[in-house]
Amino acid sequence: MRKLTYFVSHSIDGYIAAPDGAYEHLMPYQDVFHWMLAACPETLPAPVHDAMGTKPEPKLYDTVVMGRATYAPALEQGLVSPYPHLRQYVVTSSLTESPSPDVTLVPGDPVATVRALKAEEGERGIWLAGGAVLAGALLDEIDELVLKCYPVVAGAGIPLFRAGFRPVEFRFLGQESFPDGGRVATYVRNR
């Protein structure tokens, strides 16, 4: 069975975006960016690879699942397929037609879609890119957390999860800390 990994950036105080959805304050610091290029280049969008002249060869994930708000910044820039090197799923109730044949819309229950994706054969996992409401809806399906924490306090915004109070235990596997203050922590679900 393939695993679902919530791989996301957040501030020291646990916010993945500003109240309006802006996330520029959480753009990868250089050390974390270089770690991502080496460890999981598929999590960087195609324009980043194009600008650097690199190929986003998937190492950890072959599929990305994201909410409509996570997909919106790409759409606003005319980028209808931000991760063409991955299978892309967008959970949405507002989009009725996919802007790209590379993007599959999930208009209904994301849990059924994720369970079907997890049941597929394959060595690579599924990357849950965000956001908070989707992560809350998929909490029971999340097998791993990879949290990129940046040394900034947001004060308010969109939290890592939006779900009712229901503690779920994860086990800390370790973290990488970088000179620029960023860190990447990994947790696995206690099952």
Protein backbone atom coordinates (compact mmCIF):
# COMPACT_ATOMS: atom_id res chain seq x y z
CA MET A 1 0.00 0.00 0.00
CA ARG A 2 1.32 3.43 -0.94
CA LYS A 3 1.57 6.13 1.70
CA LEU A 4 0.10 9.61 1.84
CA THR A 5 2.58 12.25 3.01
CA TYR A 6 1.53 15.73 4.06
CA PHE A 7 4.61 17.65 2.91
CA VAL A 8 4.10 21.31 3.69
CA SER A 9 5.79 24.52 4.83
CA HIS A 10 4.80 26.34 8.00
CA SER A 11 5.82 29.16 10.29
CA ILE A 12 7.18 28.61 13.80
CA ASP A 13 3.66 29.15 15.12
CA GLY A 14 2.11 26.56 12.81
CA TYR A 15 0.58 28.54 9.93
CA ILE A 16 0.87 27.39 6.31
CA ALA A 17 -0.31 30.71 4.89
CA ALA A 18 -1.46 34.20 5.81
CA PRO A 19 -5.18 34.74 6.53
CA ASP A 20 -5.65 35.71 2.85
CA GLY A 21 -3.77 32.64 1.60
CA ALA A 22 -0.50 34.42 0.80
CA TYR A 23 2.59 32.34 1.47
CA GLU A 24 5.54 34.45 0.29
CA HIS A 25 6.85 34.66 3.86
CA LEU A 26 7.33 30.88 3.71
CA MET A 27 9.19 30.66 0.44
CA PRO A 28 12.05 28.18 0.76
CA TYR A 29 15.16 29.57 2.33
CA GLN A 30 18.22 28.66 0.27
CA ASP A 31 19.31 25.74 2.46
CA VAL A 32 15.85 24.14 2.48
CA PHE A 33 15.49 24.81 -1.25
CA HIS A 34 18.76 22.97 -1.98
CA TRP A 35 17.65 20.12 0.29
CA MET A 36 14.39 19.88 -1.67
CA LEU A 37 16.27 19.86 -4.98
CA ALA A 38 18.33 16.89 -3.78
CA ALA A 39 15.78 14.96 -1.70
CA CYS A 40 12.45 15.56 -3.43
CA PRO A 41 12.81 17.61 -6.64
CA GLU A 42 9.31 16.62 -7.74
CA THR A 43 7.84 18.93 -5.07
CA LEU A 44 9.13 21.99 -6.92
CA PRO A 45 6.87 23.23 -9.74
CA ALA A 46 7.90 22.95 -13.38
CA PRO A 47 8.76 26.67 -13.82
CA VAL A 48 11.38 26.39 -11.06
CA HIS A 49 13.01 23.48 -12.85
CA ASP A 50 12.73 25.27 -16.19
CA ALA A 51 14.49 28.34 -14.76
CA MET A 52 17.28 26.20 -13.31
CA GLY A 53 17.62 23.87 -16.29
CA THR A 54 16.94 20.84 -14.10
CA LYS A 55 14.66 17.86 -14.61
CA PRO A 56 12.11 17.08 -11.87
CA GLU A 57 12.68 13.35 -11.71
CA PRO A 58 10.36 11.93 -9.06
CA LYS A 59 12.16 10.33 -6.13
CA LEU A 60 9.52 10.05 -3.40
CA TYR A 61 6.16 10.85 -5.01
CA ASP A 62 4.43 10.19 -8.32
CA THR A 63 1.14 11.85 -7.40
CA VAL A 64 0.14 15.17 -5.85
CA VAL A 65 -3.20 15.93 -4.20
CA MET A 66 -4.05 19.55 -3.39
CA GLY A 67 -7.01 21.69 -2.51
CA ARG A 68 -8.43 24.38 -4.75
CA ALA A 69 -6.80 27.19 -2.74
CA THR A 70 -3.39 25.52 -3.07
CA TYR A 71 -3.90 25.23 -6.84
CA ALA A 72 -5.13 28.84 -7.18
CA PRO A 73 -1.75 30.67 -7.25
CA ALA A 74 -0.64 28.58 -10.24
CA LEU A 75 -3.93 29.22 -12.04
CA GLU A 76 -3.68 32.95 -11.39
CA GLN A 77 -0.32 32.93 -13.18
CA GLY A 78 -1.74 30.94 -16.11
CA LEU A 79 0.02 27.76 -14.98
CA VAL A 80 -2.68 25.13 -15.41
CA SER A 81 -0.35 22.15 -14.82
CA PRO A 82 2.21 23.12 -12.15
CA TYR A 83 3.53 19.57 -11.70
CA PRO A 84 3.34 17.89 -15.13
CA HIS A 85 5.90 15.33 -13.92
CA LEU A 86 3.32 14.04 -11.39
CA ARG A 87 -0.28 12.88 -11.54
CA GLN A 88 -2.17 15.92 -10.26
CA TYR A 89 -5.46 15.86 -8.35
CA VAL A 90 -7.28 18.99 -7.23
CA VAL A 91 -10.06 18.65 -4.67
CA THR A 92 -12.61 21.32 -5.50
CA SER A 93 -16.27 22.16 -5.35
CA SER A 94 -15.89 25.34 -7.40
CA LEU A 95 -14.09 24.15 -10.54
CA THR A 96 -16.38 22.12 -12.79
CA GLU A 97 -14.00 21.61 -15.70
CA SER A 98 -10.27 20.93 -15.48
CA PRO A 99 -8.15 23.65 -17.08
CA SER A 100 -5.63 20.98 -18.13
CA PRO A 101 -5.82 17.35 -19.22
CA ASP A 102 -2.95 16.79 -16.74
CA VAL A 103 -5.14 17.77 -13.78
CA THR A 104 -7.90 15.54 -12.43
CA LEU A 105 -10.60 17.30 -10.46
CA VAL A 106 -12.05 15.63 -7.39
CA PRO A 107 -15.48 17.22 -6.84
CA GLY A 108 -16.64 14.88 -4.11
CA ASP A 109 -15.20 13.02 -1.16
CA PRO A 110 -11.38 13.22 -1.22
CA VAL A 111 -11.10 10.24 1.14
CA ALA A 112 -12.41 7.79 -1.48
CA THR A 113 -10.00 9.15 -4.09
CA VAL A 114 -7.00 8.98 -1.74
CA ARG A 115 -7.88 5.45 -0.62
CA ALA A 116 -8.01 4.37 -4.27
CA LEU A 117 -4.64 6.04 -4.95
CA LYS A 118 -3.08 4.40 -1.88
CA ALA A 119 -4.34 0.98 -3.00
CA GLU A 120 -2.53 1.23 -6.35
CA GLU A 121 0.69 -0.65 -7.00
CA GLY A 122 3.79 1.48 -6.96
CA GLU A 123 6.99 2.32 -5.16
CA ARG A 124 6.42 6.05 -4.86
CA GLY A 125 4.01 7.77 -2.53
CA ILE A 126 1.33 10.42 -2.72
CA TRP A 127 2.14 13.99 -1.78
CA LEU A 128 -0.58 15.96 -0.03
CA ALA A 129 0.39 19.54 -0.86
CA GLY A 130 -2.34 21.30 1.12
CA GLY A 131 -4.35 22.95 2.40
CA ALA A 132 -5.64 22.94 5.93
CA VAL A 133 -9.24 21.91 5.25
CA LEU A 134 -8.14 19.10 2.94
CA ALA A 135 -5.49 17.94 5.43
CA GLY A 136 -8.16 17.89 8.12
CA ALA A 137 -10.51 15.86 5.91
CA LEU A 138 -7.71 13.39 5.10
CA LEU A 139 -6.21 13.16 8.58
CA ASP A 140 -7.16 9.50 8.97
CA GLU A 141 -5.39 8.72 5.66
CA ILE A 142 -2.14 10.60 6.36
CA ASP A 143 0.72 8.19 6.99
CA GLU A 144 3.59 10.65 7.23
CA LEU A 145 4.21 14.33 7.95
CA VAL A 146 7.18 16.14 6.44
CA LEU A 147 7.08 19.65 7.87
CA LYS A 148 9.33 22.39 6.57
CA CYS A 149 9.48 25.00 9.33
CA TYR A 150 10.78 28.47 8.59
CA PRO A 151 12.07 30.87 11.26
CA VAL A 152 9.20 33.31 11.07
CA VAL A 153 6.23 33.94 13.34
CA ALA A 154 3.09 34.67 11.32
CA GLY A 155 0.83 35.60 14.24
CA ALA A 156 -2.31 34.46 12.41
CA GLY A 157 -3.30 32.64 9.28
CA ILE A 158 -4.22 29.24 7.93
CA PRO A 159 -3.15 26.46 10.32
CA LEU A 160 -1.57 23.14 9.35
CA PHE A 161 -4.94 21.41 9.85
CA ARG A 162 -8.54 22.53 10.07
CA ALA A 163 -10.47 19.76 11.73
CA GLY A 164 -12.42 19.20 14.88
CA PHE A 165 -10.56 18.34 18.06
CA ARG A 166 -9.43 14.74 17.69
CA PRO A 167 -5.85 14.00 18.76
CA VAL A 168 -3.96 11.70 16.38
CA GLU A 169 -0.52 10.46 17.37
CA PHE A 170 2.53 10.57 15.15
CA ARG A 171 6.03 9.37 16.00
CA PHE A 172 8.97 11.72 15.45
CA LEU A 173 11.56 10.19 13.10
CA GLY A 174 14.05 13.03 13.00
CA GLN A 175 14.85 16.38 11.51
CA GLU A 176 17.38 18.24 9.47
CA SER A 177 18.32 21.72 10.61
CA PHE A 178 19.95 24.27 8.35
CA PRO A 179 22.22 27.26 8.99
CA ASP A 180 19.63 29.71 7.62
CA GLY A 181 17.19 28.70 10.38
CA GLY A 182 14.94 26.37 8.41
CA ARG A 183 14.35 22.78 9.42
CA VAL A 184 12.59 19.74 8.03
CA ALA A 185 10.98 17.37 10.53
CA THR A 186 9.53 13.96 9.68
CA TYR A 187 6.84 12.10 11.61
CA VAL A 188 5.09 8.78 10.92
CA ARG A 189 1.63 7.82 12.00
CA ASN A 190 1.26 5.49 14.98
CA ARG A 191 -1.05 2.79 13.69
